N, C-alpha and C. Protein backbone atom coordinates (compact mmCIF):
# COMPACT_ATOMS: atom_id res chain seq x y z
N UNK A 1 3.95 -18.36 -2.30
CA UNK A 1 2.79 -18.35 -3.16
C UNK A 1 1.61 -19.08 -2.53
N UNK A 2 1.92 -20.18 -1.85
CA UNK A 2 0.87 -20.92 -1.17
C UNK A 2 0.25 -20.07 -0.05
N UNK A 3 1.10 -19.40 0.71
CA UNK A 3 0.58 -18.55 1.79
C UNK A 3 -0.29 -17.43 1.25
N UNK A 4 0.10 -16.86 0.13
CA UNK A 4 -0.69 -15.80 -0.47
C UNK A 4 -2.08 -16.33 -0.86
N UNK A 5 -2.12 -17.52 -1.43
CA UNK A 5 -3.40 -18.13 -1.80
C UNK A 5 -4.25 -18.42 -0.58
N UNK A 6 -3.62 -18.88 0.50
CA UNK A 6 -4.36 -19.14 1.74
C UNK A 6 -4.92 -17.85 2.33
N UNK A 7 -4.11 -16.79 2.32
CA UNK A 7 -4.59 -15.50 2.82
C UNK A 7 -5.78 -15.02 2.00
N UNK A 8 -5.67 -15.15 0.70
CA UNK A 8 -6.75 -14.73 -0.19
C UNK A 8 -8.03 -15.52 0.10
N UNK A 9 -7.90 -16.84 0.25
CA UNK A 9 -9.06 -17.68 0.52
C UNK A 9 -9.70 -17.34 1.87
N UNK A 10 -8.89 -17.15 2.88
CA UNK A 10 -9.42 -16.81 4.20
C UNK A 10 -10.17 -15.48 4.16
N UNK A 11 -9.59 -14.52 3.49
CA UNK A 11 -10.24 -13.21 3.39
C UNK A 11 -11.54 -13.30 2.60
N UNK A 12 -11.55 -14.09 1.53
CA UNK A 12 -12.77 -14.24 0.74
C UNK A 12 -13.89 -14.89 1.54
N UNK A 13 -13.50 -15.73 2.51
CA UNK A 13 -14.49 -16.36 3.39
C UNK A 13 -14.86 -15.47 4.58
N UNK A 14 -14.23 -14.30 4.66
CA UNK A 14 -14.52 -13.38 5.76
C UNK A 14 -13.81 -13.73 7.05
N UNK A 15 -12.83 -14.62 6.98
CA UNK A 15 -12.11 -15.04 8.18
C UNK A 15 -10.87 -14.17 8.37
N UNK A 16 -11.11 -12.93 8.69
CA UNK A 16 -10.04 -11.94 8.81
C UNK A 16 -9.08 -12.32 9.94
N UNK A 17 -9.61 -12.79 11.06
CA UNK A 17 -8.77 -13.12 12.21
C UNK A 17 -7.74 -14.19 11.88
N UNK A 18 -8.15 -15.25 11.19
CA UNK A 18 -7.20 -16.30 10.84
C UNK A 18 -6.21 -15.83 9.78
N UNK A 19 -6.67 -15.00 8.86
CA UNK A 19 -5.76 -14.45 7.85
C UNK A 19 -4.69 -13.59 8.53
N UNK A 20 -5.11 -12.77 9.49
CA UNK A 20 -4.15 -11.93 10.21
C UNK A 20 -3.16 -12.79 10.99
N UNK A 21 -3.65 -13.84 11.64
CA UNK A 21 -2.76 -14.71 12.41
C UNK A 21 -1.73 -15.38 11.50
N UNK A 22 -2.18 -15.85 10.35
CA UNK A 22 -1.27 -16.48 9.39
C UNK A 22 -0.26 -15.47 8.87
N UNK A 23 -0.72 -14.29 8.53
CA UNK A 23 0.16 -13.24 8.02
C UNK A 23 1.21 -12.86 9.06
N UNK A 24 0.78 -12.66 10.29
CA UNK A 24 1.70 -12.25 11.35
C UNK A 24 2.71 -13.34 11.70
N UNK A 25 2.31 -14.60 11.55
CA UNK A 25 3.21 -15.70 11.90
C UNK A 25 4.21 -16.01 10.79
N UNK A 26 3.99 -15.46 9.62
CA UNK A 26 4.90 -15.71 8.50
C UNK A 26 6.21 -14.97 8.72
N UNK A 27 7.31 -15.71 8.62
CA UNK A 27 8.62 -15.11 8.86
C UNK A 27 9.11 -14.30 7.66
N UNK A 28 8.79 -14.77 6.46
CA UNK A 28 9.25 -14.08 5.25
C UNK A 28 8.04 -13.62 4.45
N UNK A 29 7.68 -12.38 4.67
CA UNK A 29 6.54 -11.81 3.95
C UNK A 29 7.00 -11.26 2.60
N UNK A 30 6.26 -11.63 1.56
CA UNK A 30 6.55 -11.12 0.22
C UNK A 30 5.44 -10.16 -0.17
N UNK A 31 5.73 -9.31 -1.13
CA UNK A 31 4.80 -8.26 -1.52
C UNK A 31 3.40 -8.77 -1.88
N UNK A 32 3.26 -9.89 -2.60
CA UNK A 32 1.90 -10.37 -2.90
C UNK A 32 1.07 -10.70 -1.65
N UNK A 33 1.74 -11.08 -0.57
CA UNK A 33 1.02 -11.35 0.68
C UNK A 33 0.41 -10.05 1.22
N UNK A 34 1.17 -8.97 1.14
CA UNK A 34 0.64 -7.68 1.58
C UNK A 34 -0.55 -7.29 0.71
N UNK A 35 -0.43 -7.52 -0.58
CA UNK A 35 -1.53 -7.21 -1.50
C UNK A 35 -2.79 -7.99 -1.18
N UNK A 36 -2.63 -9.28 -0.88
CA UNK A 36 -3.78 -10.12 -0.54
C UNK A 36 -4.44 -9.62 0.74
N UNK A 37 -3.62 -9.22 1.70
CA UNK A 37 -4.17 -8.72 2.96
C UNK A 37 -4.90 -7.40 2.75
N UNK A 38 -4.29 -6.49 2.00
CA UNK A 38 -4.92 -5.18 1.78
C UNK A 38 -6.24 -5.34 1.02
N UNK A 39 -6.25 -6.17 -0.01
CA UNK A 39 -7.48 -6.41 -0.76
C UNK A 39 -8.53 -7.05 0.14
N UNK A 40 -8.11 -7.99 0.95
CA UNK A 40 -9.03 -8.64 1.87
C UNK A 40 -9.63 -7.69 2.87
N UNK A 41 -8.82 -6.80 3.38
CA UNK A 41 -9.33 -5.79 4.32
C UNK A 41 -10.39 -4.92 3.65
N UNK A 42 -10.10 -4.46 2.45
CA UNK A 42 -11.06 -3.62 1.73
C UNK A 42 -12.34 -4.40 1.44
N UNK A 43 -12.20 -5.64 0.99
CA UNK A 43 -13.38 -6.46 0.67
C UNK A 43 -14.22 -6.77 1.91
N UNK A 44 -13.58 -6.74 3.08
CA UNK A 44 -14.29 -7.02 4.33
C UNK A 44 -14.62 -5.74 5.10
N UNK A 45 -14.67 -4.63 4.37
CA UNK A 45 -15.05 -3.33 4.95
C UNK A 45 -14.15 -2.87 6.09
N UNK A 46 -12.85 -3.10 5.91
CA UNK A 46 -11.86 -2.65 6.90
C UNK A 46 -10.78 -1.80 6.20
N UNK A 47 -11.22 -0.73 5.54
CA UNK A 47 -10.25 0.05 4.77
C UNK A 47 -9.15 0.67 5.61
N UNK A 48 -9.45 0.99 6.87
CA UNK A 48 -8.42 1.60 7.72
C UNK A 48 -7.26 0.62 7.97
N UNK A 49 -7.57 -0.67 8.08
CA UNK A 49 -6.51 -1.66 8.25
C UNK A 49 -5.69 -1.78 6.97
N UNK A 50 -6.33 -1.67 5.82
CA UNK A 50 -5.62 -1.71 4.54
C UNK A 50 -4.65 -0.54 4.44
N UNK A 51 -5.09 0.63 4.85
CA UNK A 51 -4.24 1.82 4.81
C UNK A 51 -3.06 1.67 5.77
N UNK A 52 -3.33 1.16 6.96
CA UNK A 52 -2.24 0.95 7.93
C UNK A 52 -1.20 -0.02 7.38
N UNK A 53 -1.66 -1.09 6.75
CA UNK A 53 -0.73 -2.07 6.19
C UNK A 53 0.04 -1.47 5.02
N UNK A 54 -0.63 -0.68 4.20
CA UNK A 54 0.05 0.00 3.10
C UNK A 54 1.16 0.91 3.64
N UNK A 55 0.86 1.65 4.68
CA UNK A 55 1.86 2.53 5.28
C UNK A 55 3.02 1.74 5.86
N UNK A 56 2.75 0.55 6.37
CA UNK A 56 3.81 -0.31 6.89
C UNK A 56 4.75 -0.76 5.77
N UNK A 57 4.18 -1.07 4.62
CA UNK A 57 4.99 -1.48 3.47
C UNK A 57 5.80 -0.29 2.95
N UNK A 58 5.16 0.85 2.91
CA UNK A 58 5.81 2.05 2.38
C UNK A 58 6.92 2.55 3.31
N UNK A 59 6.71 2.44 4.62
CA UNK A 59 7.67 2.93 5.61
C UNK A 59 7.96 1.84 6.65
N UNK A 60 8.71 0.80 6.29
CA UNK A 60 8.88 -0.35 7.18
C UNK A 60 9.61 -0.04 8.49
N UNK A 61 10.41 1.01 8.53
CA UNK A 61 11.19 1.31 9.73
C UNK A 61 10.46 2.17 10.74
N UNK A 62 9.28 2.64 10.40
CA UNK A 62 8.55 3.54 11.31
C UNK A 62 7.62 2.76 12.20
């Protein structure tokens, strides 16, 4: 929950690079973290990254 809040805050500040680094370094990703990242991407005008992440959640083995 703390990581999700940090991701949300970083994205709200427009610090996409640090949010991505934190997300990628997390060993146990939970669904709300994916949601925070996807929302952050959309809010920062990066919808293609949001779609890619959505597809990763939908098809994790591909």
